[in-house]
Each structure stands twice: as structure tokens, then as C-alpha cells.
Amino acid sequence: MRSTPVPPSFEALRTAVAAQAPMLAPGRPGLRLLLLIALIAVVIGGVYAWRSQPEPEPLPPPPPVSGPSLLTPASILSPQSGSLQSGSAQSGSSRSGTLIEVTVHVTGKVRRPGVITLPAGSRITDAVQAAGGVRKGAATGPLNLARKLVDGEQIIVGAAGPAAAAPPMADPAPVVLDLNTATPEQLEQLPGVGEVLARRIVEYRDGHGGFRTVEQLREVSGIGDRKYAEIREKVHV
């Protein structure tokens, strides 16, 4: 089998590359040199990047604090400070303790009405006396003079007590109508009697010369036994 002939130009290129191959291969010493150069370049770049960062500016010192000096443990334990603290504690306890006075408004039938301050635990009689007492000829009314005072209350001396309830009114006496004189309007007030039935009663009365007995109502049209039983006690002749 015959081989394909190689063109002269390709053969010349291969010969030239083979001649230059020993010069392109750096070998082991050359490779080490390249690695060292790359390492130096990396170190120089890192140092430059670190130095190029901005430096933080120092904060200014805080201004001096001006104001009242704080108490030291020694001053707190000193006799003078101890006396001040005990005095303030005593005054606070007097303010926050039990009530020692009461203020009330006394008005009404007293000689000197007005606002009065009394010791805590005082009673209404004490407030009335402090207001000059009850005026001549007046009474204290429904006041309970023995009751203890309440701070801020108003005391009215001589006020009238609650009015007594009026007795229930008795039912008015039932009205009994005269069948011979009652008007149609009066007859309509009878239970079960309307305008029409009242007119029939009047017509019966006029047509028969009046009622002689109450039982004659049964003869009026529209009045049966039940209705007659409802109205017979409310009429007369």
C-alpha cells in the first residue's frame, strides 16, 4: 500500500518547530523561577491593598459633665446627711400616712356657714358647733349628729327630709246613670255600649215613653243576657 506524499510546505514547517522546541521548554529551573516571580507579585499586591485602606479618625474626647456632685458613700454615712435623710423620711410618712384633718362645707340654718377644717374623727355635731351652732328657732332636720365626718362632704343643716308618700287615693264611687235622662254620650260610657247601641237605647226610650224598669233594656236590639248583666248595676230608672 502506497503512502500519501507530504506537501513540501508542511514538511518545512514541522522541521522549523522541531528545531525551536528546546528553546521553548523552560525546564525545571525555569519553572521554579516563574513560580517565585508570581509569589512575589501576589505579596506586593496584598501589601499595597492593605496600605490603601482609609485609617479611622479618632473620636473627640467627651465634654466635661457639669452639674451637682454625686454623694459619695462617706457623705451618705455622715451624721449630717443621715439627719437630712431621716427628716425627709419623717415628712414623707406624715404626708402619706393616715388623714389627720378633714375639711367640710357647713351650710343651711347655722350662724356662720362656710368651709371648716376639723381634726380627723370629728362628728357632724362638732362641725355644726364650729359653724356657730344652729340658728335660733331652727332644727337640724334629719341629720345624724353622731356620724363621723367625711373629708370634702357638704353638710346641710335644717334641710327638709324626704316627703312622706301620699296615701293611695280611693277609687271614685261608680256613676249610676238614669236611663230616662242620660244622653247618648253618657250611655257610651257603659261597658260594651257604643255609639250605635246608645242611639238604640234613646230611640227605645223615646218610643215607649221612657223606661219603667231596668229590665226593659233586654228589649233593646243588641242587648243580650251577657251585656245586660254587665250594665244593669250601672243604670237605674
Protein backbone atom coordinates (compact mmCIF):
# COMPACT_ATOMS: atom_id res chain seq x y z
CA MET A 1 0.00 0.00 0.00
CA ARG A 2 1.49 3.33 -1.03
CA SER A 3 1.74 6.29 1.48
CA THR A 4 0.32 9.69 0.68
CA PRO A 5 3.09 12.14 -0.22
CA VAL A 6 3.52 15.11 2.25
CA PRO A 7 3.49 18.59 0.71
CA PRO A 8 6.85 20.37 0.82
CA SER A 9 5.44 23.39 2.74
CA PHE A 10 4.11 21.28 5.66
CA GLU A 11 7.37 19.38 5.89
CA ALA A 12 9.31 22.61 6.14
CA LEU A 13 7.02 23.90 8.98
CA ARG A 14 7.48 20.71 11.02
CA THR A 15 11.22 20.88 10.66
CA ALA A 16 11.26 24.51 11.92
CA VAL A 17 9.13 23.69 15.01
CA ALA A 18 11.32 20.73 15.92
CA ALA A 19 14.37 22.95 15.72
CA GLN A 20 12.87 25.57 18.14
CA ALA A 21 11.37 23.10 20.70
CA PRO A 22 14.41 23.01 23.02
CA MET A 23 14.32 26.81 23.34
CA LEU A 24 10.55 26.96 24.29
CA ALA A 25 10.75 24.38 27.13
CA PRO A 26 11.92 26.23 30.28
CA GLY A 27 12.92 23.10 32.15
CA ARG A 28 12.68 22.62 35.96
CA PRO A 29 14.91 25.61 36.94
CA GLY A 30 12.94 27.96 34.73
CA LEU A 31 9.61 26.75 36.15
CA ARG A 32 10.78 27.46 39.71
CA LEU A 33 11.82 30.93 38.72
CA LEU A 34 8.39 31.65 37.26
CA LEU A 35 6.65 30.45 40.46
CA LEU A 36 8.87 32.65 42.62
CA ILE A 37 8.13 35.70 40.49
CA ALA A 38 4.35 35.03 40.74
CA LEU A 39 4.55 34.66 44.55
CA ILE A 40 6.44 37.94 44.90
CA ALA A 41 3.83 39.69 42.76
CA VAL A 42 0.99 38.38 44.97
CA VAL A 43 2.72 39.55 48.17
CA ILE A 44 3.39 43.01 46.76
CA GLY A 45 -0.26 43.33 45.65
CA GLY A 46 -1.57 42.34 49.12
CA VAL A 47 0.70 44.85 50.89
CA TYR A 48 -0.42 47.62 48.56
CA ALA A 49 -4.10 46.79 49.07
CA TRP A 50 -3.71 46.78 52.89
CA ARG A 51 -1.94 50.17 52.91
CA SER A 52 -4.52 51.74 50.61
CA GLN A 53 -7.36 51.26 53.23
CA PRO A 54 -8.52 54.55 54.94
CA GLU A 55 -7.38 54.96 58.52
CA PRO A 56 -10.20 55.55 61.11
CA GLU A 57 -10.22 59.02 62.64
CA PRO A 58 -10.02 59.11 66.46
CA LEU A 59 -13.19 60.27 68.27
CA PRO A 60 -13.01 63.60 70.11
CA PRO A 61 -12.93 63.34 73.91
CA PRO A 62 -16.35 63.77 75.64
CA PRO A 63 -17.10 67.23 77.07
CA PRO A 64 -16.78 67.61 80.84
CA VAL A 65 -20.03 67.00 82.75
CA SER A 66 -21.16 69.99 84.80
CA GLY A 67 -23.79 69.54 87.49
CA PRO A 68 -24.31 68.75 91.14
CA SER A 69 -21.77 66.43 92.57
CA LEU A 70 -22.92 62.95 93.43
CA LEU A 71 -22.99 61.80 97.01
CA THR A 72 -20.16 59.54 97.98
CA PRO A 73 -20.62 56.61 100.36
CA ALA A 74 -18.82 58.61 103.04
CA SER A 75 -21.18 61.57 102.69
CA ILE A 76 -24.19 59.27 102.77
CA LEU A 77 -22.99 57.76 106.03
CA SER A 78 -22.08 61.11 107.58
CA PRO A 79 -24.18 62.33 110.54
CA GLN A 80 -25.41 65.43 108.68
CA SER A 81 -26.64 63.53 105.63
CA GLY A 82 -28.16 60.91 107.87
CA SER A 83 -30.15 63.56 109.72
CA LEU A 84 -31.38 65.04 106.44
CA GLN A 85 -32.48 61.66 105.16
CA SER A 86 -34.27 60.80 108.37
CA GLY A 87 -36.05 64.18 108.33
CA SER A 88 -37.25 63.69 104.76
CA ALA A 89 -38.43 60.19 105.60
CA GLN A 90 -40.38 61.50 108.56
CA SER A 91 -42.01 64.26 106.50
CA GLY A 92 -42.94 61.75 103.78
CA SER A 93 -44.52 59.43 106.27
CA SER A 94 -46.60 62.29 107.66
CA ARG A 95 -47.79 63.14 104.16
CA SER A 96 -48.52 59.57 103.10
CA GLY A 97 -49.87 58.37 106.44
CA THR A 98 -53.38 58.48 107.81
CA LEU A 99 -55.51 61.61 107.40
CA ILE A 100 -55.08 64.00 110.33
CA GLU A 101 -57.64 66.64 109.27
CA VAL A 102 -60.95 66.80 107.41
CA THR A 103 -62.41 69.77 105.55
CA VAL A 104 -66.19 70.07 105.20
CA HIS A 105 -68.70 72.64 103.97
CA VAL A 106 -71.38 73.50 106.53
CA THR A 107 -74.39 75.37 105.16
CA GLY A 108 -78.06 75.81 105.91
CA LYS A 109 -79.53 77.06 109.18
CA VAL A 110 -76.27 77.79 111.02
CA ARG A 111 -74.90 81.10 112.25
CA ARG A 112 -71.60 81.04 110.35
CA PRO A 113 -71.88 78.81 107.25
CA GLY A 114 -68.70 78.09 105.33
CA VAL A 115 -65.75 75.73 104.90
CA ILE A 116 -64.43 74.33 108.19
CA THR A 117 -61.35 72.21 108.94
CA LEU A 118 -61.54 69.85 111.92
CA PRO A 119 -59.39 67.01 113.28
CA ALA A 120 -59.96 63.63 111.73
CA GLY A 121 -62.56 61.61 113.59
CA SER A 122 -64.78 64.62 114.33
CA ARG A 123 -68.53 64.23 114.05
CA ILE A 124 -71.30 66.28 112.47
CA THR A 125 -72.18 67.85 115.81
CA ASP A 126 -68.61 69.22 116.01
CA ALA A 127 -68.94 70.76 112.54
CA VAL A 128 -72.28 72.37 113.45
CA GLN A 129 -70.78 73.85 116.62
CA ALA A 130 -67.75 75.11 114.67
CA ALA A 131 -70.16 76.89 112.31
CA GLY A 132 -71.69 78.81 115.22
CA GLY A 133 -74.42 76.34 116.06
CA VAL A 134 -77.98 76.12 114.81
CA ARG A 135 -79.82 79.41 114.39
CA LYS A 136 -82.48 80.29 116.93
CA GLY A 137 -85.77 78.60 116.27
CA ALA A 138 -84.29 76.24 113.64
CA ALA A 139 -83.91 72.48 113.80
CA THR A 140 -81.15 70.27 112.47
CA GLY A 141 -83.57 68.27 110.36
CA PRO A 142 -82.83 64.66 109.51
CA LEU A 143 -79.07 65.00 110.21
CA ASN A 144 -77.38 62.25 112.20
CA LEU A 145 -75.28 64.38 114.53
CA ALA A 146 -73.29 61.35 115.73
CA ARG A 147 -71.97 60.40 112.28
CA LYS A 148 -68.26 60.88 111.62
CA LEU A 149 -67.26 63.49 109.08
CA VAL A 150 -66.01 62.57 105.62
CA ASP A 151 -63.37 64.79 104.04
CA GLY A 152 -64.86 67.04 101.34
CA GLU A 153 -68.54 66.47 102.15
CA GLN A 154 -71.28 69.11 102.41
CA ILE A 155 -73.49 69.28 105.49
CA ILE A 156 -76.88 70.98 105.07
CA VAL A 157 -78.38 71.86 108.43
CA GLY A 158 -82.16 72.15 108.64
CA ALA A 159 -82.91 70.58 105.26
CA ALA A 160 -86.32 69.02 104.99
CA GLY A 161 -86.40 65.25 104.95
CA PRO A 162 -87.92 63.24 102.16
CA ALA A 163 -91.62 63.90 101.79
CA ALA A 164 -93.90 61.20 103.08
CA ALA A 165 -95.66 59.21 100.44
CA ALA A 166 -99.22 60.31 99.87
CA PRO A 167 -101.83 57.72 100.79
CA PRO A 168 -103.35 55.96 97.81
CA MET A 169 -106.48 57.61 96.54
CA ALA A 170 -109.68 55.69 96.96
CA ASP A 171 -111.45 54.60 93.84
CA PRO A 172 -114.18 57.06 92.92
CA ALA A 173 -117.72 55.94 93.52
CA PRO A 174 -119.19 54.31 90.46
CA VAL A 175 -121.51 56.55 88.43
CA VAL A 176 -125.05 55.18 88.04
CA LEU A 177 -126.86 56.60 85.01
CA ASP A 178 -130.56 57.38 84.84
CA LEU A 179 -131.90 55.61 81.77
CA ASN A 180 -134.58 58.26 81.30
CA THR A 181 -132.26 61.31 81.40
CA ALA A 182 -128.84 60.04 80.20
CA THR A 183 -127.54 61.41 76.92
CA PRO A 184 -126.16 59.16 74.17
CA GLU A 185 -122.62 60.28 75.09
CA GLN A 186 -123.17 59.25 78.72
CA LEU A 187 -124.64 55.90 77.68
CA GLU A 188 -121.49 55.20 75.61
CA GLN A 189 -119.53 55.11 78.90
CA LEU A 190 -121.33 51.91 79.89
CA PRO A 191 -119.32 48.70 79.29
CA GLY A 192 -119.96 47.24 75.86
CA VAL A 193 -122.14 50.18 74.71
CA GLY A 194 -121.02 52.02 71.61
CA GLU A 195 -122.48 54.82 69.55
CA VAL A 196 -124.98 52.61 67.71
CA LEU A 197 -126.26 50.84 70.82
CA ALA A 198 -126.55 54.12 72.75
CA ARG A 199 -128.71 55.55 69.95
CA ARG A 200 -130.95 52.46 70.05
CA ILE A 201 -131.47 52.88 73.82
CA VAL A 202 -132.51 56.51 73.32
CA GLU A 203 -134.84 55.57 70.45
CA TYR A 204 -136.47 52.86 72.59
CA ARG A 205 -136.90 55.35 75.45
CA ASP A 206 -138.48 57.96 73.18
CA GLY A 207 -140.73 55.39 71.50
CA HIS A 208 -142.04 53.85 74.76
CA GLY A 209 -142.40 56.96 76.87
CA GLY A 210 -139.32 56.19 78.95
CA PHE A 211 -138.09 53.22 80.96
CA ARG A 212 -140.21 51.99 83.83
CA THR A 213 -137.77 49.22 84.87
CA VAL A 214 -134.13 48.44 84.15
CA GLU A 215 -135.13 45.05 82.77
CA GLN A 216 -136.66 46.78 79.76
CA LEU A 217 -133.11 47.07 78.40
CA ARG A 218 -133.45 43.44 77.31
CA GLU A 219 -135.98 44.61 74.72
CA VAL A 220 -133.42 46.90 73.04
CA SER A 221 -131.90 45.30 69.94
CA GLY A 222 -128.27 44.33 70.59
CA ILE A 223 -128.55 43.81 74.37
CA GLY A 224 -128.46 40.15 75.31
CA ASP A 225 -128.20 38.43 78.66
CA ARG A 226 -124.44 38.88 78.90
CA LYS A 227 -124.41 42.60 78.07
CA TYR A 228 -127.42 43.21 80.31
CA ALA A 229 -125.55 41.58 83.23
CA GLU A 230 -122.62 43.98 82.64
CA ILE A 231 -124.64 47.21 82.69
CA ARG A 232 -127.64 46.57 84.95
CA GLU A 233 -125.75 47.66 88.10
CA LYS A 234 -124.66 50.90 86.42
CA VAL A 235 -128.11 52.25 85.49
CA HIS A 236 -131.39 52.99 87.25
CA VAL A 237 -134.84 54.46 86.50
